[in-house]
Amino acid sequence: MKPVSGLGTELALFGKAVLWGTVMFVVYDILRVFRRIFPHGIVWISMEDLIYWIAASVFFFLRLCRDNDGIIRFYILLGLVAGAWVYDRLVSRRLMRWLTKIILSIKKQLKKIRKKVKMKLRVRKEPRNTEEKE
């Protein structure tokens, strides 16, 4: 393949880089939501981050190889950062607050249901005393 040339193709590649940065940040937000649903320790969080960054690097490398023959240009890196930054400023914080409220509400409802189920199970498991005491 020929390297990308011309202003139009470079602008298109910059736009793709902005989209890539946004997608990478959206995936990280999904990981953050997972962490809020299932809290866990620093070791697992570190492993998740390591896997995320390896996957993000492979994704970026494959996109770069496909669209620009693997040539890294400054404006591509700038596009990645710009996409992530715009998503973070316009969407991410509000979305995370909204999702946190929903998650906490669902957890609260599940705890109530679990409590009711436990109470019913206890009542059923208790042996019935048919003999009357005098």
N, C-alpha and C. Protein backbone atom coordinates (compact mmCIF):
# COMPACT_ATOMS: atom_id res chain seq x y z
N MET A 1 0.84 -1.19 0.00
CA MET A 1 0.00 0.00 0.00
C MET A 1 0.88 1.24 0.00
N LYS A 2 0.36 2.29 -0.62
CA LYS A 2 1.07 3.55 -0.62
C LYS A 2 0.77 4.30 0.68
N PRO A 3 1.78 5.02 1.19
CA PRO A 3 1.50 5.85 2.37
C PRO A 3 0.45 6.91 2.05
N VAL A 4 -0.24 7.33 3.08
CA VAL A 4 -1.27 8.35 2.93
C VAL A 4 -0.62 9.65 2.50
N SER A 5 -1.21 10.31 1.52
CA SER A 5 -0.68 11.60 1.09
C SER A 5 -1.84 12.50 0.72
N GLY A 6 -1.63 13.78 0.79
CA GLY A 6 -2.66 14.75 0.47
C GLY A 6 -3.40 15.20 1.72
N LEU A 7 -3.80 16.46 1.68
CA LEU A 7 -4.45 17.05 2.84
C LEU A 7 -5.79 16.37 3.18
N GLY A 8 -6.54 16.02 2.16
CA GLY A 8 -7.85 15.39 2.40
C GLY A 8 -7.72 14.05 3.11
N THR A 9 -6.78 13.25 2.67
CA THR A 9 -6.59 11.94 3.31
C THR A 9 -6.01 12.10 4.71
N GLU A 10 -5.15 13.11 4.91
CA GLU A 10 -4.61 13.34 6.25
C GLU A 10 -5.69 13.83 7.21
N LEU A 11 -6.60 14.67 6.72
CA LEU A 11 -7.71 15.11 7.56
C LEU A 11 -8.63 13.93 7.90
N ALA A 12 -8.85 13.07 6.93
CA ALA A 12 -9.67 11.88 7.18
C ALA A 12 -8.99 10.98 8.22
N LEU A 13 -7.68 10.83 8.13
CA LEU A 13 -6.94 10.03 9.09
C LEU A 13 -6.97 10.68 10.48
N PHE A 14 -6.90 12.00 10.53
CA PHE A 14 -7.02 12.70 11.81
C PHE A 14 -8.40 12.44 12.42
N GLY A 15 -9.44 12.51 11.60
CA GLY A 15 -10.80 12.23 12.08
C GLY A 15 -10.93 10.81 12.61
N LYS A 16 -10.31 9.86 11.91
CA LYS A 16 -10.33 8.47 12.39
C LYS A 16 -9.60 8.36 13.72
N ALA A 17 -8.49 9.08 13.86
CA ALA A 17 -7.73 9.04 15.11
C ALA A 17 -8.56 9.61 16.26
N VAL A 18 -9.32 10.66 16.00
CA VAL A 18 -10.21 11.22 17.02
C VAL A 18 -11.23 10.15 17.43
N LEU A 19 -11.79 9.47 16.45
CA LEU A 19 -12.75 8.40 16.73
C LEU A 19 -12.08 7.26 17.51
N TRP A 20 -10.87 6.87 17.15
CA TRP A 20 -10.14 5.82 17.87
C TRP A 20 -9.94 6.21 19.33
N GLY A 21 -9.53 7.45 19.57
CA GLY A 21 -9.33 7.91 20.94
C GLY A 21 -10.62 7.87 21.74
N THR A 22 -11.72 8.24 21.10
CA THR A 22 -13.02 8.21 21.76
C THR A 22 -13.41 6.77 22.09
N VAL A 23 -13.24 5.88 21.12
CA VAL A 23 -13.58 4.47 21.34
C VAL A 23 -12.75 3.88 22.48
N MET A 24 -11.47 4.20 22.51
CA MET A 24 -10.59 3.68 23.55
C MET A 24 -11.05 4.17 24.93
N PHE A 25 -11.50 5.41 25.02
CA PHE A 25 -11.96 5.95 26.30
C PHE A 25 -13.31 5.35 26.69
N VAL A 26 -14.19 5.13 25.71
CA VAL A 26 -15.48 4.50 26.00
C VAL A 26 -15.26 3.10 26.57
N VAL A 27 -14.34 2.35 25.98
CA VAL A 27 -14.05 1.01 26.48
C VAL A 27 -13.51 1.09 27.91
N TYR A 28 -12.68 2.08 28.19
CA TYR A 28 -12.17 2.23 29.56
C TYR A 28 -13.30 2.59 30.53
N ASP A 29 -14.26 3.40 30.08
CA ASP A 29 -15.42 3.71 30.92
C ASP A 29 -16.23 2.45 31.22
N ILE A 30 -16.35 1.56 30.24
CA ILE A 30 -17.05 0.29 30.47
C ILE A 30 -16.31 -0.50 31.54
N LEU A 31 -14.99 -0.49 31.49
CA LEU A 31 -14.19 -1.15 32.52
C LEU A 31 -14.43 -0.51 33.89
N ARG A 32 -14.55 0.82 33.93
CA ARG A 32 -14.81 1.51 35.19
C ARG A 32 -16.18 1.13 35.75
N VAL A 33 -17.18 1.00 34.87
CA VAL A 33 -18.51 0.59 35.31
C VAL A 33 -18.44 -0.82 35.90
N PHE A 34 -17.71 -1.71 35.23
CA PHE A 34 -17.52 -3.08 35.74
C PHE A 34 -16.92 -3.05 37.13
N ARG A 35 -15.95 -2.16 37.35
CA ARG A 35 -15.31 -2.05 38.66
C ARG A 35 -16.27 -1.53 39.73
N ARG A 36 -17.21 -0.70 39.32
CA ARG A 36 -18.19 -0.20 40.29
C ARG A 36 -19.21 -1.27 40.65
N ILE A 37 -19.54 -2.11 39.69
CA ILE A 37 -20.50 -3.18 39.95
C ILE A 37 -19.87 -4.26 40.82
N PHE A 38 -18.64 -4.63 40.47
CA PHE A 38 -17.91 -5.68 41.19
C PHE A 38 -16.61 -5.11 41.74
N PRO A 39 -16.67 -4.48 42.91
CA PRO A 39 -15.44 -3.91 43.49
C PRO A 39 -14.44 -5.02 43.81
N HIS A 40 -13.17 -4.74 43.53
CA HIS A 40 -12.12 -5.71 43.82
C HIS A 40 -10.82 -4.98 44.12
N GLY A 41 -9.81 -5.74 44.49
CA GLY A 41 -8.56 -5.18 44.99
C GLY A 41 -7.64 -4.64 43.92
N ILE A 42 -6.55 -4.03 44.39
CA ILE A 42 -5.59 -3.35 43.52
C ILE A 42 -4.90 -4.31 42.55
N VAL A 43 -4.70 -5.56 42.96
CA VAL A 43 -4.03 -6.52 42.07
C VAL A 43 -4.88 -6.76 40.83
N TRP A 44 -6.17 -7.01 41.04
CA TRP A 44 -7.06 -7.25 39.89
C TRP A 44 -7.22 -5.99 39.04
N ILE A 45 -7.30 -4.85 39.69
CA ILE A 45 -7.42 -3.59 38.93
C ILE A 45 -6.17 -3.38 38.07
N SER A 46 -5.01 -3.68 38.63
CA SER A 46 -3.76 -3.55 37.87
C SER A 46 -3.74 -4.51 36.69
N MET A 47 -4.22 -5.72 36.91
CA MET A 47 -4.26 -6.70 35.81
C MET A 47 -5.23 -6.25 34.71
N GLU A 48 -6.37 -5.73 35.13
CA GLU A 48 -7.34 -5.22 34.15
C GLU A 48 -6.74 -4.08 33.34
N ASP A 49 -6.06 -3.16 34.02
CA ASP A 49 -5.42 -2.04 33.32
C ASP A 49 -4.35 -2.53 32.35
N LEU A 50 -3.56 -3.50 32.77
CA LEU A 50 -2.53 -4.05 31.90
C LEU A 50 -3.15 -4.66 30.64
N ILE A 51 -4.19 -5.45 30.83
CA ILE A 51 -4.87 -6.07 29.69
C ILE A 51 -5.49 -4.99 28.81
N TYR A 52 -6.10 -3.98 29.42
CA TYR A 52 -6.70 -2.90 28.64
C TYR A 52 -5.65 -2.20 27.77
N TRP A 53 -4.51 -1.84 28.38
CA TRP A 53 -3.50 -1.10 27.63
C TRP A 53 -2.85 -1.95 26.55
N ILE A 54 -2.69 -3.23 26.79
CA ILE A 54 -2.18 -4.11 25.74
C ILE A 54 -3.18 -4.17 24.59
N ALA A 55 -4.46 -4.38 24.92
CA ALA A 55 -5.50 -4.44 23.88
C ALA A 55 -5.61 -3.11 23.13
N ALA A 56 -5.54 -1.98 23.85
CA ALA A 56 -5.62 -0.66 23.20
C ALA A 56 -4.43 -0.45 22.27
N SER A 57 -3.26 -0.88 22.70
CA SER A 57 -2.05 -0.73 21.87
C SER A 57 -2.16 -1.56 20.60
N VAL A 58 -2.62 -2.80 20.75
CA VAL A 58 -2.79 -3.67 19.58
C VAL A 58 -3.84 -3.08 18.64
N PHE A 59 -4.96 -2.60 19.20
CA PHE A 59 -6.00 -1.96 18.40
C PHE A 59 -5.43 -0.78 17.62
N PHE A 60 -4.72 0.11 18.31
CA PHE A 60 -4.15 1.29 17.66
C PHE A 60 -3.14 0.88 16.59
N PHE A 61 -2.28 -0.07 16.90
CA PHE A 61 -1.27 -0.52 15.95
C PHE A 61 -1.91 -1.10 14.69
N LEU A 62 -2.93 -1.95 14.87
CA LEU A 62 -3.59 -2.55 13.71
C LEU A 62 -4.30 -1.50 12.86
N ARG A 63 -4.96 -0.55 13.53
CA ARG A 63 -5.62 0.53 12.77
C ARG A 63 -4.60 1.37 12.01
N LEU A 64 -3.49 1.64 12.67
CA LEU A 64 -2.44 2.45 12.06
C LEU A 64 -1.83 1.72 10.87
N CYS A 65 -1.60 0.44 11.00
CA CYS A 65 -1.04 -0.35 9.89
C CYS A 65 -2.03 -0.41 8.73
N ARG A 66 -3.29 -0.55 9.03
CA ARG A 66 -4.29 -0.65 7.97
C ARG A 66 -4.49 0.68 7.24
N ASP A 67 -4.54 1.77 7.98
CA ASP A 67 -4.89 3.06 7.38
C ASP A 67 -3.71 3.90 6.96
N ASN A 68 -2.50 3.64 7.51
CA ASN A 68 -1.38 4.51 7.19
C ASN A 68 -0.06 3.72 7.05
N ASP A 69 -0.16 2.45 6.72
CA ASP A 69 1.01 1.59 6.54
C ASP A 69 1.93 1.61 7.76
N GLY A 70 1.38 1.80 8.93
CA GLY A 70 2.17 1.75 10.16
C GLY A 70 2.99 2.99 10.44
N ILE A 71 2.83 4.01 9.65
CA ILE A 71 3.59 5.25 9.85
C ILE A 71 2.90 6.09 10.92
N ILE A 72 3.62 6.39 11.99
CA ILE A 72 3.06 7.21 13.07
C ILE A 72 3.35 8.67 12.76
N ARG A 73 2.31 9.45 12.77
CA ARG A 73 2.46 10.89 12.55
C ARG A 73 1.93 11.62 13.78
N PHE A 74 2.47 12.80 14.01
CA PHE A 74 2.11 13.57 15.18
C PHE A 74 0.61 13.87 15.22
N TYR A 75 0.03 14.21 14.07
CA TYR A 75 -1.38 14.58 14.06
C TYR A 75 -2.27 13.37 14.40
N ILE A 76 -1.79 12.16 14.17
CA ILE A 76 -2.55 10.97 14.56
C ILE A 76 -2.58 10.85 16.08
N LEU A 77 -1.42 11.02 16.70
CA LEU A 77 -1.36 10.99 18.17
C LEU A 77 -2.20 12.12 18.76
N LEU A 78 -2.12 13.29 18.13
CA LEU A 78 -2.93 14.43 18.58
C LEU A 78 -4.42 14.11 18.47
N GLY A 79 -4.82 13.43 17.40
CA GLY A 79 -6.21 13.04 17.22
C GLY A 79 -6.68 12.06 18.30
N LEU A 80 -5.82 11.10 18.64
CA LEU A 80 -6.16 10.15 19.71
C LEU A 80 -6.42 10.89 21.02
N VAL A 81 -5.50 11.77 21.37
CA VAL A 81 -5.63 12.53 22.62
C VAL A 81 -6.84 13.44 22.56
N ALA A 82 -7.07 14.08 21.42
CA ALA A 82 -8.21 14.99 21.28
C ALA A 82 -9.53 14.24 21.43
N GLY A 83 -9.64 13.07 20.82
CA GLY A 83 -10.87 12.28 20.93
C GLY A 83 -11.15 11.87 22.36
N ALA A 84 -10.11 11.41 23.05
CA ALA A 84 -10.26 11.00 24.44
C ALA A 84 -10.61 12.20 25.32
N TRP A 85 -9.95 13.32 25.08
CA TRP A 85 -10.18 14.52 25.89
C TRP A 85 -11.60 15.06 25.70
N VAL A 86 -12.06 15.15 24.45
CA VAL A 86 -13.41 15.67 24.18
C VAL A 86 -14.46 14.75 24.80
N TYR A 87 -14.29 13.45 24.64
CA TYR A 87 -15.22 12.50 25.27
C TYR A 87 -15.23 12.67 26.78
N ASP A 88 -14.04 12.80 27.37
CA ASP A 88 -13.94 12.95 28.82
C ASP A 88 -14.65 14.21 29.29
N ARG A 89 -14.47 15.30 28.60
CA ARG A 89 -15.06 16.57 29.01
C ARG A 89 -16.56 16.67 28.75
N LEU A 90 -17.03 16.08 27.65
CA LEU A 90 -18.44 16.26 27.29
C LEU A 90 -19.35 15.13 27.74
N VAL A 91 -18.85 13.91 27.82
CA VAL A 91 -19.73 12.78 28.04
C VAL A 91 -19.38 11.97 29.28
N SER A 92 -18.12 11.64 29.45
CA SER A 92 -17.70 10.63 30.42
C SER A 92 -18.16 10.91 31.84
N ARG A 93 -17.94 12.09 32.34
CA ARG A 93 -18.27 12.39 33.73
C ARG A 93 -19.76 12.30 33.99
N ARG A 94 -20.55 12.86 33.08
CA ARG A 94 -22.00 12.79 33.25
C ARG A 94 -22.49 11.34 33.13
N LEU A 95 -21.95 10.63 32.18
CA LEU A 95 -22.33 9.24 31.97
C LEU A 95 -21.98 8.39 33.19
N MET A 96 -20.80 8.58 33.75
CA MET A 96 -20.39 7.80 34.91
C MET A 96 -21.26 8.13 36.13
N ARG A 97 -21.61 9.39 36.32
CA ARG A 97 -22.51 9.75 37.43
C ARG A 97 -23.86 9.08 37.26
N TRP A 98 -24.39 9.13 36.04
CA TRP A 98 -25.69 8.55 35.73
C TRP A 98 -25.65 7.03 35.93
N LEU A 99 -24.62 6.39 35.40
CA LEU A 99 -24.50 4.94 35.54
C LEU A 99 -24.30 4.53 37.00
N THR A 100 -23.56 5.33 37.76
CA THR A 100 -23.36 5.03 39.18
C THR A 100 -24.69 5.06 39.92
N LYS A 101 -25.53 6.06 39.64
CA LYS A 101 -26.84 6.13 40.28
C LYS A 101 -27.68 4.91 39.93
N ILE A 102 -27.65 4.51 38.68
CA ILE A 102 -28.42 3.35 38.24
C ILE A 102 -27.89 2.09 38.91
N ILE A 103 -26.57 1.92 38.93
CA ILE A 103 -25.96 0.74 39.54
C ILE A 103 -26.30 0.66 41.02
N LEU A 104 -26.17 1.77 41.72
CA LEU A 104 -26.49 1.77 43.16
C LEU A 104 -27.96 1.46 43.41
N SER A 105 -28.83 1.97 42.56
CA SER A 105 -30.26 1.70 42.68
C SER A 105 -30.54 0.21 42.46
N ILE A 106 -29.93 -0.38 41.45
CA ILE A 106 -30.12 -1.80 41.17
C ILE A 106 -29.57 -2.65 42.31
N LYS A 107 -28.38 -2.28 42.82
CA LYS A 107 -27.81 -3.02 43.95
C LYS A 107 -28.74 -2.97 45.16
N LYS A 108 -29.32 -1.80 45.43
CA LYS A 108 -30.21 -1.63 46.56
C LYS A 108 -31.44 -2.53 46.40
N GLN A 109 -32.01 -2.55 45.21
CA GLN A 109 -33.18 -3.39 44.95
C GLN A 109 -32.83 -4.87 45.08
N LEU A 110 -31.67 -5.26 44.59
CA LEU A 110 -31.25 -6.67 44.70
C LEU A 110 -31.04 -7.07 46.15
N LYS A 111 -30.50 -6.17 46.97
CA LYS A 111 -30.33 -6.47 48.39
C LYS A 111 -31.67 -6.68 49.07
N LYS A 112 -32.66 -5.84 48.71
CA LYS A 112 -33.99 -5.99 49.28
C LYS A 112 -34.59 -7.34 48.89
N ILE A 113 -34.46 -7.70 47.63
CA ILE A 113 -35.00 -8.97 47.15
C ILE A 113 -34.30 -10.13 47.85
N ARG A 114 -32.97 -10.05 47.97
CA ARG A 114 -32.21 -11.11 48.62
C ARG A 114 -32.63 -11.26 50.09
N LYS A 115 -32.87 -10.15 50.75
CA LYS A 115 -33.29 -10.18 52.14
C LYS A 115 -34.66 -10.86 52.28
N LYS A 116 -35.59 -10.52 51.38
CA LYS A 116 -36.92 -11.14 51.42
C LYS A 116 -36.83 -12.64 51.15
N VAL A 117 -36.01 -13.02 50.19
CA VAL A 117 -35.86 -14.44 49.86
C VAL A 117 -35.26 -15.19 51.04
N LYS A 118 -34.26 -14.62 51.68
CA LYS A 118 -33.66 -15.27 52.86
C LYS A 118 -34.68 -15.45 53.97
N MET A 119 -35.51 -14.42 54.18
CA MET A 119 -36.52 -14.52 55.24
C MET A 119 -37.51 -15.63 54.93
N LYS A 120 -37.95 -15.74 53.68
CA LYS A 120 -38.89 -16.78 53.30
C LYS A 120 -38.25 -18.16 53.42
N LEU A 121 -37.00 -18.27 53.07
CA LEU A 121 -36.31 -19.55 53.18
C LEU A 121 -36.16 -19.95 54.64
N ARG A 122 -35.88 -19.02 55.51
CA ARG A 122 -35.78 -19.32 56.94
C ARG A 122 -37.11 -19.81 57.50
N VAL A 123 -38.16 -19.15 57.10
CA VAL A 123 -39.48 -19.52 57.58
C VAL A 123 -39.80 -20.94 57.14
N ARG A 124 -39.49 -21.29 55.91
CA ARG A 124 -39.79 -22.62 55.40
C ARG A 124 -38.88 -23.69 56.00
N LYS A 125 -37.67 -23.35 56.33
CA LYS A 125 -36.73 -24.32 56.87
C LYS A 125 -36.98 -24.62 58.34
N GLU A 126 -37.60 -23.71 59.05
CA GLU A 126 -37.87 -23.93 60.47
C GLU A 126 -38.83 -25.11 60.62
N PRO A 127 -38.46 -26.05 61.48
CA PRO A 127 -39.37 -27.21 61.67
C PRO A 127 -40.65 -26.78 62.36
N ARG A 128 -41.69 -27.35 61.89
CA ARG A 128 -43.00 -27.03 62.49
C ARG A 128 -43.24 -27.96 63.67
N ASN A 129 -43.59 -27.36 64.74
CA ASN A 129 -43.85 -28.12 65.95
C ASN A 129 -45.36 -28.38 66.03
N THR A 130 -45.73 -29.62 65.78
CA THR A 130 -47.15 -29.94 65.78
C THR A 130 -47.68 -30.26 67.16
N GLU A 131 -46.78 -30.59 68.07
CA GLU A 131 -47.21 -30.90 69.42
C GLU A 131 -47.38 -29.60 70.21
N GLU A 132 -48.42 -29.54 70.89
CA GLU A 132 -48.69 -28.36 71.70
C GLU A 132 -48.15 -28.60 73.09
N LYS A 133 -47.50 -27.62 73.63
CA LYS A 133 -46.97 -27.71 74.99
C LYS A 133 -48.03 -27.31 75.98
N GLU A 134 -48.04 -28.00 77.09
CA GLU A 134 -49.04 -27.68 78.11
C GLU A 134 -48.42 -27.03 79.29
